[in-house]
Amino acid sequence: MSLAEAPAAGAPADQEWWRGAVLYQIYPRSFADSNNDGVGDLAGITAHLDHVASLGVDGIWLSPFFKSPMKDFGYDVSDYCDVDPIFGSLADFDALIARARALGLKVVIDQVFSHTSDEHPWFIDSRASRKGAHADWYVWADAKPDGSPPSNWQSVFGGPAWTWDARRGQYYMHNFLSSQPQLNVRNPEVQDALLAAARFWLDRGVDGFRLDAINFAIHNPALTDNPPINDGKKRTRPFDFQDKIHNQSQPEIIGFLNRVRALTDSYEGRFTVAEVGGDYADREMREFTAGGDRLHSAYGFLYLYADHLSSDLVVKGPAMWPGDQGEGWPSWTFSNHDAPRAVSRWAQGRDEDAFSRMAMLLLMTLRGNVFVYQGEELGLPQAHVPFERLVDPEAIANWPETLGRDGARTPMPWTAGQPNAGFSTVEPWLPVDPRHIPKAVDAQEADAGSVLHVARRLIALRKRHPALRVGAMEPVETGGDLLIFKRLERYEEAERLLCVFNLGHDVINWSPPAGWRLVEAVNWSKADAGRLPPLAGLLFEAE
C-alpha cells in the first residue's frame, strides 16, 4: 500500500529518455491475435497498446516480427526489411508506430545480427558457389582430412555447430539451429548490409534496437577448438561442456558495435542495448558499452536463469556497474521469452501474487534500465505445456530436464470469460494455462488490490523518484534474507531512498532507523510495525 507520495526531485533537462527507463517486452506471437488464426500479430499489439501505456512504461521492446520460416520463431530471419505475413504487413507496423507515438511510447525492436535463416537469399546464394556474390557472407570451412567438422564447437541447441553442405563441399557454422547459419560479420560487406537493414527501421521511426546474441557475431577465423570445462557440474547440453572462447566473444565485435552506434547516433534520441549471455557476460556487458562510441546499455542472464532469489544475487548485478568514468549503463530483467518466469523460479511455494508484488518493487528499485515481460504485470507463473504441445526445439531436445521456453511464451490472458482468455477465438499456437485465466487483465482491472494495479503504482513510483531512475545504488545489508540498499540521487536536493526487502520465508524483526519516512510498502501494513513479514518490501525517503 502507498502511504505517502514524494514530489519528484529535479533532473537534468537533457537527461536521455532511455536512462533508467522501464521498457515492456512484447513477444508478438503471444500478445494478441487480431485475425483469429491462433498467432498474435502487429494489429493485435496496436489494439492493446492502451493497456501497455496504462502501466506507465516508457516504451516497448518487440521481439522479431520479420519474415521468417519460424524454425526458431522469428529469430531465423529470411528478410530483415519485411514483416512476416503471419504478423501482418509493413503498413501494420507503421500503424503500430503511429499509435505508440500517440500514446507517448518509444518502440525498440530486435535486430538479429549473428545469423539468418537458411532461407535468406544471402545464404541461398552463398551455398550455391564458392565464387558468388555472397560466397564469403557466412562461415564456411573445409572438412578435416577424416571428414569430420572443422572444430569441436557445439551449438546451443545440441550437436556440432557445423553442418555439411554438399553443394559447396564444405561445412557451414551455426551457433544455434542448423537452419540458422552463422553470418561472417568480419566481412565489411556483411556489416554494411546489416547496417542498411537497421537504417531501414530507423527511417520507419523505431527508437532503438536490442541486439540479439551479439557476442556470437564474430568467431575466431583460426577455428581453434574450444577447451573443455571440467568442474563436475551437471549439464544438459554439449554446448555447456566447453569454454566458448573461440566461437564467440571475439574482440573484433567492438569495431562492429562502433559502426552500429555511429549509425544510431545519426538519428536523434536512439537507444541500443545488447543481449549478452555466456560465461563472460559480466566482462562483455561492460566492454560492449564502455565510452561514448559503443552501445548505450547491455543486459545478461544473471537474474533470468537464477533458480532462487537471494540478497547476494540482487546486489551482484549493480555492483558490476559502480558508475566509473566512461562506464556504460546496465539493463535488467527478471523474466523474458527465453527463460522460465521468475515467479515460478523464485516463489518456492509462497503466495505467487505476494511474490509478484515484491519482485516488481525490487525490479523498480534496481539501478539501470528495467524490462517488464508481458504478463509479468499480472503475476503470471510459468505455464505448463504438455510434451505433445511443445514447439521450442530446445525444450523438445532437453525434455524433461529443463522447463524450456514455451512455458514463458504462452498467450497473454486478456478476458477471463472468453475462449482462450480473449487471446484468440481459435486454438492458439501454444495452449493457455488454466491458472492464467483468473489472472486475466479484465479480472485484475476489477480488483483494486491486484498485481496489475500494484504494478502500475510501482512503475509510477520509479518515475517520480530520480534516485530510482538514475541514482547510485549502495548496499547496506546483504548476505541473508534481509536485503537493504540505498538509492542516492546526485542532482539538486540529493534525494536519498532506503529500500528494504524480506526475501525469505520467515518474519524478520526490523525497524527503520530514525530520519526515514515510509513512501511505499508491499505485503506490509501498519500492523506490522517493527517486523517484516515474508516477501515484504518497503521504500523510505530521507526526511
Protein backbone atom coordinates (compact mmCIF):
# COMPACT_ATOMS: atom_id res chain seq x y z
CA MET A 1 0.00 0.00 0.00
CA SER A 2 1.19 3.53 -0.74
CA LEU A 3 1.47 5.54 2.47
CA ALA A 4 2.90 8.77 1.13
CA GLU A 5 3.91 10.39 -2.11
CA ALA A 6 7.08 12.38 -2.54
CA PRO A 7 7.43 15.21 -5.05
CA ALA A 8 9.77 14.48 -7.90
CA ALA A 9 13.24 15.89 -7.48
CA GLY A 10 14.97 17.75 -10.26
CA ALA A 11 16.90 16.10 -13.07
CA PRO A 12 18.99 17.47 -15.90
CA ALA A 13 16.94 18.88 -18.73
CA ASP A 14 18.99 16.89 -21.24
CA GLN A 15 18.53 13.52 -19.48
CA GLU A 16 18.34 10.77 -22.11
CA TRP A 17 14.86 9.22 -22.27
CA TRP A 18 16.26 5.71 -22.03
CA ARG A 19 18.44 6.16 -18.95
CA GLY A 20 16.58 4.44 -16.14
CA ALA A 21 13.61 3.72 -18.42
CA VAL A 22 11.04 0.96 -17.98
CA LEU A 23 10.51 -0.96 -21.22
CA TYR A 24 7.76 -3.54 -21.73
CA GLN A 25 8.73 -6.59 -23.77
CA ILE A 26 6.15 -7.89 -26.22
CA TYR A 27 6.50 -11.34 -27.76
CA PRO A 28 4.32 -10.80 -30.85
CA ARG A 29 3.23 -14.42 -31.38
CA SER A 30 1.63 -14.48 -27.95
CA PHE A 31 0.37 -10.97 -27.23
CA ALA A 32 -2.92 -10.58 -29.12
CA ASP A 33 -4.41 -12.24 -32.20
CA SER A 34 -6.42 -9.78 -34.29
CA ASN A 35 -7.35 -12.10 -37.19
CA ASN A 36 -8.10 -15.25 -35.19
CA ASP A 37 -5.57 -17.59 -36.76
CA GLY A 38 -4.15 -18.60 -33.38
CA VAL A 39 -0.99 -16.46 -33.64
CA GLY A 40 -0.52 -12.95 -32.31
CA ASP A 41 0.17 -10.16 -34.77
CA LEU A 42 1.09 -6.49 -35.12
CA ALA A 43 -2.51 -5.32 -35.38
CA GLY A 44 -3.26 -7.15 -32.14
CA ILE A 45 -0.39 -5.34 -30.45
CA THR A 46 -1.63 -1.98 -31.73
CA ALA A 47 -5.14 -2.69 -30.45
CA HIS A 48 -3.79 -3.37 -26.96
CA LEU A 49 -1.20 -0.60 -26.65
CA ASP A 50 -3.60 1.30 -24.37
CA HIS A 51 -3.02 -1.42 -21.78
CA VAL A 52 0.74 -1.03 -22.11
CA ALA A 53 0.53 2.75 -21.87
CA SER A 54 -1.67 2.45 -18.77
CA LEU A 55 1.23 0.75 -16.98
CA GLY A 56 3.23 3.96 -17.21
CA VAL A 57 6.18 2.39 -19.01
CA ASP A 58 8.44 4.45 -21.27
CA GLY A 59 8.25 2.18 -24.27
CA ILE A 60 8.07 -1.31 -25.72
CA TRP A 61 10.58 -3.82 -26.98
CA LEU A 62 9.25 -6.02 -29.77
CA SER A 63 10.69 -9.47 -30.33
CA PRO A 64 11.18 -10.33 -34.04
CA PHE A 65 8.29 -9.91 -36.45
CA PHE A 66 10.42 -10.12 -39.62
CA LYS A 67 9.87 -12.52 -42.47
CA SER A 68 10.94 -15.97 -41.31
CA PRO A 69 10.25 -19.69 -41.77
CA MET A 70 9.78 -19.69 -37.97
CA LYS A 71 12.08 -22.60 -37.20
CA ASP A 72 13.16 -20.53 -34.18
CA PHE A 73 10.01 -18.39 -34.15
CA GLY A 74 11.39 -15.27 -35.79
CA TYR A 75 14.99 -15.42 -34.67
CA ASP A 76 15.74 -17.08 -38.02
CA VAL A 77 15.28 -14.09 -40.34
CA SER A 78 14.80 -14.57 -44.07
CA ASP A 79 14.22 -10.88 -44.85
CA TYR A 80 15.44 -8.16 -42.49
CA CYS A 81 13.32 -5.48 -44.14
CA ASP A 82 9.86 -7.01 -44.27
CA VAL A 83 7.15 -8.21 -41.90
CA ASP A 84 6.27 -11.88 -41.92
CA PRO A 85 2.71 -12.32 -43.23
CA ILE A 86 1.75 -14.17 -40.07
CA PHE A 87 2.26 -10.88 -38.20
CA GLY A 88 0.81 -8.58 -40.88
CA SER A 89 2.44 -6.06 -43.17
CA LEU A 90 4.70 -3.03 -43.19
CA ALA A 91 1.53 -0.92 -43.13
CA ASP A 92 0.56 -2.68 -39.89
CA PHE A 93 3.98 -1.86 -38.47
CA ASP A 94 3.62 1.78 -39.46
CA ALA A 95 0.21 1.86 -37.76
CA LEU A 96 1.78 0.41 -34.61
CA ILE A 97 4.46 3.09 -34.62
CA ALA A 98 1.82 5.82 -35.08
CA ARG A 99 -0.31 4.51 -32.21
CA ALA A 100 2.73 4.19 -29.94
CA ARG A 101 3.67 7.80 -30.73
CA ALA A 102 0.15 8.95 -29.88
CA LEU A 103 0.40 7.18 -26.51
CA GLY A 104 3.89 8.52 -25.76
CA LEU A 105 5.56 5.12 -26.06
CA LYS A 106 9.01 4.54 -27.54
CA VAL A 107 9.47 1.49 -29.78
CA VAL A 108 12.62 -0.67 -29.61
CA ILE A 109 12.90 -3.69 -31.90
CA ASP A 110 15.14 -6.74 -32.08
CA GLN A 111 17.96 -6.99 -34.58
CA VAL A 112 19.44 -10.45 -35.15
CA PHE A 113 22.92 -9.77 -36.48
CA SER A 114 24.77 -13.00 -35.75
CA HIS A 115 22.84 -15.34 -38.06
CA THR A 116 20.00 -15.60 -40.58
CA SER A 117 17.61 -18.27 -41.74
CA ASP A 118 18.92 -20.78 -44.26
CA GLU A 119 16.08 -19.48 -46.47
CA HIS A 120 17.58 -15.99 -46.62
CA PRO A 121 18.58 -15.13 -50.22
CA TRP A 122 22.08 -14.34 -48.98
CA PHE A 123 22.57 -17.89 -47.75
CA ILE A 124 20.89 -19.49 -50.76
CA ASP A 125 23.44 -17.72 -52.95
CA SER A 126 26.30 -18.40 -50.56
CA ARG A 127 25.77 -22.16 -50.52
CA ALA A 128 25.38 -22.28 -54.32
CA SER A 129 29.00 -21.43 -55.11
CA ARG A 130 32.33 -20.57 -53.55
CA LYS A 131 32.67 -17.70 -56.04
CA GLY A 132 29.28 -15.99 -55.88
CA ALA A 133 28.49 -12.50 -54.63
CA HIS A 134 27.66 -13.84 -51.17
CA ALA A 135 30.23 -16.63 -51.03
CA ASP A 136 32.02 -15.15 -48.03
CA TRP A 137 28.93 -13.83 -46.22
CA TYR A 138 28.68 -16.91 -43.98
CA VAL A 139 31.19 -19.01 -42.08
CA TRP A 140 32.30 -21.87 -44.33
CA ALA A 141 35.20 -24.27 -43.78
CA ASP A 142 36.63 -27.45 -45.27
CA ALA A 143 36.29 -30.76 -43.51
CA LYS A 144 39.22 -32.20 -41.62
CA PRO A 145 41.12 -34.91 -43.52
CA ASP A 146 38.91 -37.57 -41.90
CA GLY A 147 35.73 -35.73 -42.99
CA SER A 148 34.85 -34.52 -39.52
CA PRO A 149 33.83 -30.91 -38.76
CA PRO A 150 36.48 -28.16 -38.79
CA SER A 151 36.40 -27.69 -35.00
CA ASN A 152 34.82 -29.11 -31.87
CA TRP A 153 32.42 -26.19 -31.46
CA GLN A 154 28.94 -27.09 -30.26
CA SER A 155 25.62 -25.41 -30.99
CA VAL A 156 23.37 -24.03 -28.25
CA PHE A 157 20.55 -26.36 -29.29
CA GLY A 158 22.66 -29.51 -29.22
CA GLY A 159 25.13 -31.23 -31.52
CA PRO A 160 28.05 -29.82 -33.50
CA ALA A 161 27.98 -26.18 -34.59
CA TRP A 162 28.75 -27.38 -38.13
CA THR A 163 26.58 -28.88 -40.87
CA TRP A 164 27.89 -30.40 -44.10
CA ASP A 165 26.62 -28.87 -47.34
CA ALA A 166 27.24 -30.98 -50.43
CA ARG A 167 26.60 -28.09 -52.81
CA ARG A 168 29.71 -26.24 -51.64
CA GLY A 169 31.52 -29.31 -50.41
CA GLN A 170 32.11 -27.55 -47.09
CA TYR A 171 30.75 -27.25 -43.62
CA TYR A 172 28.84 -24.15 -42.57
CA MET A 173 28.77 -22.91 -39.00
CA HIS A 174 25.67 -22.35 -36.86
CA ASN A 175 25.70 -21.48 -33.18
CA PHE A 176 22.01 -22.34 -32.92
CA LEU A 177 19.83 -24.48 -35.22
CA SER A 178 21.32 -25.86 -38.42
CA SER A 179 18.70 -23.70 -40.17
CA GLN A 180 20.36 -20.59 -38.65
CA PRO A 181 23.69 -20.29 -40.48
CA GLN A 182 26.27 -18.02 -38.94
CA LEU A 183 26.91 -14.72 -40.70
CA ASN A 184 30.53 -13.80 -41.33
CA VAL A 185 30.30 -10.44 -39.60
CA ARG A 186 34.05 -10.00 -40.08
CA ASN A 187 33.22 -9.25 -43.71
CA PRO A 188 32.70 -5.47 -44.17
CA GLU A 189 30.07 -6.15 -46.84
CA VAL A 190 28.04 -8.13 -44.31
CA GLN A 191 28.31 -5.31 -41.82
CA ASP A 192 27.19 -2.85 -44.47
CA ALA A 193 24.14 -4.97 -45.28
CA LEU A 194 23.17 -5.33 -41.61
CA LEU A 195 23.53 -1.60 -41.04
CA ALA A 196 21.41 -0.92 -44.11
CA ALA A 197 18.67 -3.09 -42.60
CA ALA A 198 18.94 -1.19 -39.32
CA ARG A 199 18.67 2.11 -41.20
CA PHE A 200 15.50 0.82 -42.89
CA TRP A 201 13.79 0.54 -39.50
CA LEU A 202 15.26 3.78 -38.15
CA ASP A 203 13.75 5.53 -41.14
CA ARG A 204 10.39 3.96 -40.26
CA GLY A 205 10.58 5.55 -36.84
CA VAL A 206 11.91 2.99 -34.38
CA ASP A 207 13.61 4.42 -31.30
CA GLY A 208 16.30 1.81 -30.93
CA PHE A 209 17.47 -1.77 -31.10
CA ARG A 210 18.04 -4.73 -28.86
CA LEU A 211 20.90 -6.69 -30.42
CA ASP A 212 20.20 -10.40 -30.05
CA ALA A 213 23.08 -12.71 -29.04
CA ILE A 214 25.55 -10.10 -30.21
CA ASN A 215 28.55 -11.76 -28.57
CA PHE A 216 28.10 -14.59 -31.08
CA ALA A 217 28.54 -12.23 -34.04
CA ILE A 218 32.23 -12.87 -34.77
CA HIS A 219 34.27 -16.08 -34.50
CA ASN A 220 37.96 -16.92 -34.34
CA PRO A 221 38.97 -17.44 -38.01
CA ALA A 222 41.60 -19.98 -36.98
CA LEU A 223 38.73 -22.29 -35.96
CA THR A 224 40.63 -23.31 -32.83
CA ASP A 225 38.98 -25.98 -30.70
CA ASN A 226 37.33 -24.76 -27.51
CA PRO A 227 38.85 -26.21 -24.32
CA PRO A 228 36.63 -28.34 -22.08
CA ILE A 229 35.18 -27.21 -18.75
CA ASN A 230 35.91 -29.76 -16.04
CA ASP A 231 34.11 -28.60 -12.91
CA GLY A 232 31.88 -31.60 -12.22
CA LYS A 233 28.59 -29.73 -12.64
CA LYS A 234 25.59 -31.44 -14.21
CA ARG A 235 24.88 -30.24 -17.74
CA THR A 236 22.06 -30.94 -20.20
CA ARG A 237 23.68 -29.51 -23.36
CA PRO A 238 27.00 -30.37 -25.04
CA PHE A 239 27.38 -26.61 -25.61
CA ASP A 240 27.91 -26.15 -21.87
CA PHE A 241 30.81 -28.59 -21.65
CA GLN A 242 33.13 -26.13 -23.43
CA ASP A 243 34.82 -22.87 -22.55
CA LYS A 244 33.46 -20.96 -25.55
CA ILE A 245 36.41 -18.65 -26.20
CA HIS A 246 36.74 -19.22 -29.94
CA ASN A 247 33.25 -19.39 -31.43
CA GLN A 248 32.10 -16.18 -29.70
CA SER A 249 33.32 -13.21 -27.64
CA GLN A 250 35.96 -12.04 -30.10
CA PRO A 251 37.49 -8.56 -29.63
CA GLU A 252 36.62 -7.53 -33.19
CA ILE A 253 32.95 -7.32 -32.17
CA ILE A 254 33.73 -3.90 -30.69
CA GLY A 255 34.52 -2.46 -34.12
CA PHE A 256 31.13 -3.53 -35.42
CA LEU A 257 29.41 -2.03 -32.37
CA ASN A 258 31.20 1.25 -33.11
CA ARG A 259 29.52 1.25 -36.51
CA VAL A 260 26.11 0.45 -35.02
CA ARG A 261 26.47 3.31 -32.55
CA ALA A 262 27.60 5.73 -35.25
CA LEU A 263 24.51 4.87 -37.28
CA THR A 264 22.06 5.27 -34.40
CA ASP A 265 23.75 8.50 -33.28
CA SER A 266 22.97 9.95 -36.70
CA TYR A 267 19.31 9.82 -35.62
CA GLU A 268 18.19 11.83 -32.62
CA GLY A 269 17.43 10.10 -29.34
CA ARG A 270 18.02 6.49 -30.39
CA PHE A 271 18.92 3.71 -27.96
CA THR A 272 20.89 0.46 -28.28
CA VAL A 273 21.03 -2.44 -25.84
CA ALA A 274 22.95 -5.70 -26.18
CA GLU A 275 21.80 -9.12 -25.08
CA VAL A 276 24.91 -10.77 -23.65
CA GLY A 277 24.81 -14.32 -22.37
CA GLY A 278 27.52 -16.80 -21.55
CA ASP A 279 30.31 -17.33 -19.08
CA TYR A 280 31.92 -13.95 -19.74
CA ALA A 281 28.78 -11.84 -19.81
CA ASP A 282 29.84 -9.64 -16.90
CA ARG A 283 33.00 -8.53 -18.69
CA GLU A 284 31.43 -8.29 -22.12
CA MET A 285 28.48 -6.20 -20.95
CA ARG A 286 30.94 -3.57 -19.74
CA GLU A 287 33.17 -3.85 -22.82
CA PHE A 288 30.24 -3.50 -25.22
CA THR A 289 29.06 -0.29 -23.54
CA ALA A 290 32.27 1.47 -22.45
CA GLY A 291 32.91 5.02 -23.64
CA GLY A 292 30.67 7.00 -25.91
CA ASP A 293 31.14 5.09 -29.15
CA ARG A 294 29.73 1.65 -28.32
CA LEU A 295 26.25 0.61 -27.25
CA HIS A 296 24.26 2.51 -24.65
CA SER A 297 23.39 -0.47 -22.48
CA ALA A 298 23.59 -4.25 -22.09
CA TYR A 299 21.89 -6.98 -20.14
CA GLY A 300 22.78 -10.55 -19.37
CA PHE A 301 21.17 -13.58 -17.77
CA LEU A 302 22.22 -13.03 -14.15
CA TYR A 303 18.62 -12.97 -12.92
CA LEU A 304 16.96 -14.80 -15.82
CA TYR A 305 18.41 -18.23 -15.10
CA ALA A 306 18.91 -17.99 -11.33
CA ASP A 307 16.96 -20.74 -9.57
CA HIS A 308 16.49 -18.78 -6.35
CA LEU A 309 16.44 -15.15 -5.25
CA SER A 310 18.95 -14.03 -2.65
CA SER A 311 20.26 -10.72 -1.40
CA ASP A 312 23.74 -11.57 -2.70
CA LEU A 313 22.31 -12.20 -6.16
CA VAL A 314 20.40 -8.91 -6.19
CA VAL A 315 23.40 -6.74 -5.40
CA LYS A 316 25.80 -8.67 -7.63
CA GLY A 317 24.37 -7.09 -10.76
CA PRO A 318 24.53 -3.40 -9.81
CA ALA A 319 27.92 -3.98 -8.17
CA MET A 320 29.31 -4.64 -11.66
CA TRP A 321 28.40 -1.07 -12.58
CA PRO A 322 29.81 1.27 -9.88
CA GLY A 323 29.44 4.38 -12.03
CA ASP A 324 33.07 4.85 -13.03
CA GLN A 325 34.05 7.40 -15.66
CA GLY A 326 33.36 6.10 -19.17
CA GLU A 327 31.25 3.23 -17.90
CA GLY A 328 28.15 2.14 -19.79
CA TRP A 329 24.67 1.70 -18.36
CA PRO A 330 23.12 -1.61 -17.29
CA SER A 331 19.70 -3.06 -18.06
CA TRP A 332 17.97 -5.75 -16.01
CA THR A 333 15.06 -8.13 -16.35
CA PHE A 334 13.70 -10.95 -14.20
CA SER A 335 11.73 -12.68 -16.98
CA ASN A 336 11.70 -12.83 -20.77
CA HIS A 337 10.85 -15.10 -23.70
CA ASP A 338 13.99 -17.19 -23.25
CA ALA A 339 13.75 -18.05 -19.55
CA PRO A 340 11.19 -19.56 -17.17
CA ARG A 341 9.11 -16.87 -15.48
CA ALA A 342 10.62 -15.51 -12.27
CA VAL A 343 7.63 -16.24 -10.05
CA SER A 344 7.94 -19.97 -10.81
CA ARG A 345 11.69 -19.98 -10.23
CA TRP A 346 11.69 -17.91 -7.07
CA ALA A 347 8.39 -18.15 -5.16
CA GLN A 348 9.27 -21.59 -3.75
CA GLY A 349 5.76 -22.42 -2.59
CA ARG A 350 4.95 -18.96 -1.25
CA ASP A 351 1.95 -16.93 -2.39
CA GLU A 352 2.61 -16.14 -6.05
CA ASP A 353 0.74 -12.82 -6.07
CA ALA A 354 2.58 -11.65 -2.97
CA PHE A 355 5.86 -12.68 -4.54
CA SER A 356 5.00 -10.88 -7.78
CA ARG A 357 4.25 -7.65 -5.92
CA MET A 358 7.55 -7.81 -4.05
CA ALA A 359 9.52 -8.73 -7.18
CA MET A 360 8.03 -5.80 -9.09
CA LEU A 361 9.07 -3.38 -6.35
CA LEU A 362 12.54 -4.90 -6.32
CA LEU A 363 12.86 -4.59 -10.09
CA MET A 364 11.73 -0.96 -9.99
CA THR A 365 14.36 -0.09 -7.38
CA LEU A 366 17.37 -1.50 -9.27
CA ARG A 367 19.92 0.84 -10.82
CA GLY A 368 19.74 0.75 -14.60
CA ASN A 369 17.03 0.27 -17.18
CA VAL A 370 14.47 -2.42 -16.44
CA PHE A 371 12.44 -4.64 -18.76
CA VAL A 372 9.00 -5.92 -17.80
CA TYR A 373 8.00 -9.03 -19.77
CA GLN A 374 4.40 -9.29 -20.95
CA GLY A 375 2.29 -10.93 -18.24
CA GLU A 376 4.75 -10.01 -15.50
CA GLU A 377 2.40 -7.17 -14.56
CA LEU A 378 -0.25 -9.85 -13.99
CA GLY A 379 1.96 -12.12 -11.91
CA LEU A 380 1.76 -14.97 -14.42
CA PRO A 381 3.61 -18.14 -13.42
CA GLN A 382 5.41 -20.33 -15.93
CA ALA A 383 2.72 -22.08 -17.95
CA HIS A 384 2.52 -25.84 -18.14
CA VAL A 385 2.83 -27.02 -21.74
CA PRO A 386 2.41 -30.78 -22.24
CA PHE A 387 5.09 -32.52 -24.24
CA GLU A 388 2.82 -33.06 -27.23
CA ARG A 389 2.24 -29.28 -27.48
CA LEU A 390 5.90 -28.23 -27.20
CA VAL A 391 7.26 -26.35 -30.20
CA ASP A 392 10.53 -24.92 -28.86
CA PRO A 393 13.38 -27.01 -30.34
CA GLU A 394 15.48 -26.57 -27.21
CA ALA A 395 12.64 -27.69 -24.92
CA ILE A 396 11.94 -30.76 -27.07
CA ALA A 397 15.62 -31.74 -27.22
CA ASN A 398 16.15 -31.42 -23.46
CA TRP A 399 12.77 -32.58 -22.15
CA PRO A 400 12.11 -33.12 -19.28
CA GLU A 401 15.39 -31.85 -17.83
CA THR A 402 14.63 -28.18 -18.44
CA LEU A 403 11.47 -26.08 -18.20
CA GLY A 404 12.15 -24.78 -21.71
CA ARG A 405 10.96 -21.57 -23.27
CA ASP A 406 7.41 -22.46 -24.35
CA GLY A 407 6.02 -22.01 -20.85
CA ALA A 408 7.09 -18.36 -20.89
CA ARG A 409 5.63 -17.79 -24.36
CA THR A 410 2.00 -18.87 -23.93
CA PRO A 411 -0.78 -16.42 -24.87
CA MET A 412 -1.45 -13.27 -22.89
CA PRO A 413 -4.77 -13.62 -20.98
CA TRP A 414 -7.00 -10.63 -21.67
CA THR A 415 -10.56 -11.64 -20.80
CA ALA A 416 -11.26 -14.37 -18.28
CA GLY A 417 -14.70 -15.27 -19.61
CA GLN A 418 -13.80 -15.61 -23.29
CA PRO A 419 -12.34 -18.60 -25.15
CA ASN A 420 -8.57 -18.81 -24.79
CA ALA A 421 -8.74 -15.93 -22.29
CA GLY A 422 -9.55 -13.48 -25.08
CA PHE A 423 -6.31 -14.05 -26.98
CA SER A 424 -7.97 -15.70 -29.99
CA THR A 425 -11.26 -17.35 -30.91
CA VAL A 426 -9.38 -20.41 -32.22
CA GLU A 427 -6.90 -22.72 -30.52
CA PRO A 428 -3.64 -20.74 -30.09
CA TRP A 429 -0.24 -21.88 -31.25
CA LEU A 430 0.53 -22.63 -27.58
CA PRO A 431 -2.16 -23.51 -25.05
CA VAL A 432 -3.50 -21.11 -22.43
CA ASP A 433 -2.65 -22.41 -18.97
CA PRO A 434 -5.89 -22.65 -16.89
CA ARG A 435 -4.03 -20.99 -13.98
CA HIS A 436 -3.62 -17.86 -16.12
CA ILE A 437 -7.33 -17.36 -16.77
CA PRO A 438 -8.27 -15.88 -13.35
CA LYS A 439 -5.25 -13.59 -13.70
CA ALA A 440 -6.55 -12.09 -16.97
CA VAL A 441 -6.36 -8.35 -17.47
CA ASP A 442 -10.11 -7.75 -17.10
CA ALA A 443 -10.27 -9.73 -13.86
CA GLN A 444 -7.39 -7.77 -12.37
CA GLU A 445 -8.77 -4.43 -13.54
CA ALA A 446 -11.82 -5.15 -11.35
CA ASP A 447 -9.67 -5.85 -8.27
CA ALA A 448 -8.05 -2.76 -6.74
CA GLY A 449 -5.55 -4.93 -4.87
CA SER A 450 -4.47 -7.00 -7.86
CA VAL A 451 -0.90 -7.44 -9.04
CA LEU A 452 -1.78 -5.31 -12.08
CA HIS A 453 -2.83 -2.29 -10.03
CA VAL A 454 0.22 -2.64 -7.79
CA ALA A 455 2.49 -2.86 -10.86
CA ARG A 456 1.10 0.43 -12.18
CA ARG A 457 1.69 2.06 -8.82
CA LEU A 458 5.27 0.82 -8.60
CA ILE A 459 6.19 1.87 -12.13
CA ALA A 460 4.81 5.33 -11.33
CA LEU A 461 6.89 5.32 -8.14
CA ARG A 462 10.06 4.77 -10.16
CA LYS A 463 9.19 7.64 -12.49
CA ARG A 464 8.53 10.01 -9.58
CA HIS A 465 11.90 9.43 -7.94
CA PRO A 466 15.08 10.34 -9.84
CA ALA A 467 17.07 8.40 -7.25
CA LEU A 468 15.41 5.23 -8.55
CA ARG A 469 15.66 6.14 -12.20
CA VAL A 470 19.23 7.41 -12.41
CA GLY A 471 20.72 7.42 -8.92
CA ALA A 472 23.57 5.39 -7.43
CA MET A 473 23.00 2.15 -5.53
CA GLU A 474 24.71 1.42 -2.22
CA PRO A 475 24.28 -1.94 -0.41
CA VAL A 476 23.59 -1.71 3.33
CA GLU A 477 22.56 -5.22 4.44
CA THR A 478 23.13 -8.39 2.37
CA GLY A 479 24.09 -12.00 2.90
CA GLY A 480 20.82 -13.30 4.32
CA ASP A 481 17.09 -12.98 3.77
CA LEU A 482 17.18 -9.30 4.71
CA LEU A 483 18.16 -7.08 1.80
CA ILE A 484 18.70 -3.36 2.35
CA PHE A 485 20.23 -0.88 -0.07
CA LYS A 486 20.17 2.85 -0.68
CA ARG A 487 19.45 4.70 -3.88
CA LEU A 488 21.17 8.08 -3.98
CA GLU A 489 20.32 10.87 -6.41
CA ARG A 490 23.04 13.37 -7.28
CA TYR A 491 21.08 16.35 -8.59
CA GLU A 492 19.70 19.36 -6.75
CA GLU A 493 18.43 18.20 -3.35
CA ALA A 494 20.29 14.87 -3.50
CA GLU A 495 17.31 12.59 -2.92
CA ARG A 496 18.08 9.56 -0.74
CA LEU A 497 15.97 6.42 -0.57
CA LEU A 498 16.22 3.29 1.58
CA CYS A 499 14.96 0.02 0.04
CA VAL A 500 14.19 -2.88 2.38
CA PHE A 501 13.09 -6.43 1.47
CA ASN A 502 12.48 -9.70 3.27
CA LEU A 503 13.33 -12.28 0.62
CA GLY A 504 12.85 -15.22 2.98
CA HIS A 505 10.11 -17.45 4.33
CA ASP A 506 10.07 -16.20 7.93
CA VAL A 507 9.27 -12.96 9.73
CA ILE A 508 12.25 -10.71 10.43
CA ASN A 509 12.23 -8.26 13.34
CA TRP A 510 13.31 -4.92 11.92
CA SER A 511 12.52 -1.23 12.37
CA PRO A 512 13.76 1.66 10.23
CA PRO A 513 16.47 3.92 11.62
CA ALA A 514 15.48 7.43 12.60
CA GLY A 515 15.19 10.01 9.85
CA TRP A 516 13.38 7.94 7.24
CA ARG A 517 9.78 8.36 6.09
CA LEU A 518 7.83 5.46 4.58
CA VAL A 519 6.92 6.07 0.93
CA GLU A 520 5.80 2.67 -0.35
CA ALA A 521 5.08 -0.79 1.01
CA VAL A 522 4.04 -4.13 -0.45
CA ASN A 523 2.92 -7.12 1.61
CA TRP A 524 3.15 -4.96 4.75
CA SER A 525 0.75 -2.81 6.79
CA LYS A 526 0.98 -0.52 9.82
CA ALA A 527 0.05 -3.50 11.98
CA ASP A 528 3.44 -5.00 11.01
CA ALA A 529 5.43 -2.18 12.60
CA GLY A 530 8.72 -3.48 13.96
CA ARG A 531 8.64 -6.60 11.78
CA LEU A 532 8.97 -7.61 8.17
CA PRO A 533 6.66 -10.42 7.02
CA PRO A 534 7.99 -12.75 4.32
CA LEU A 535 8.06 -11.04 0.91
CA ALA A 536 7.59 -7.59 2.42
CA GLY A 537 9.11 -4.69 0.52
CA LEU A 538 9.45 -1.15 1.88
CA LEU A 539 10.74 2.09 0.45
CA PHE A 540 11.73 5.02 2.67
CA GLU A 541 12.72 8.58 1.87
CA ALA A 542 15.17 10.62 3.93
CA GLU A 543 13.30 13.27 5.93
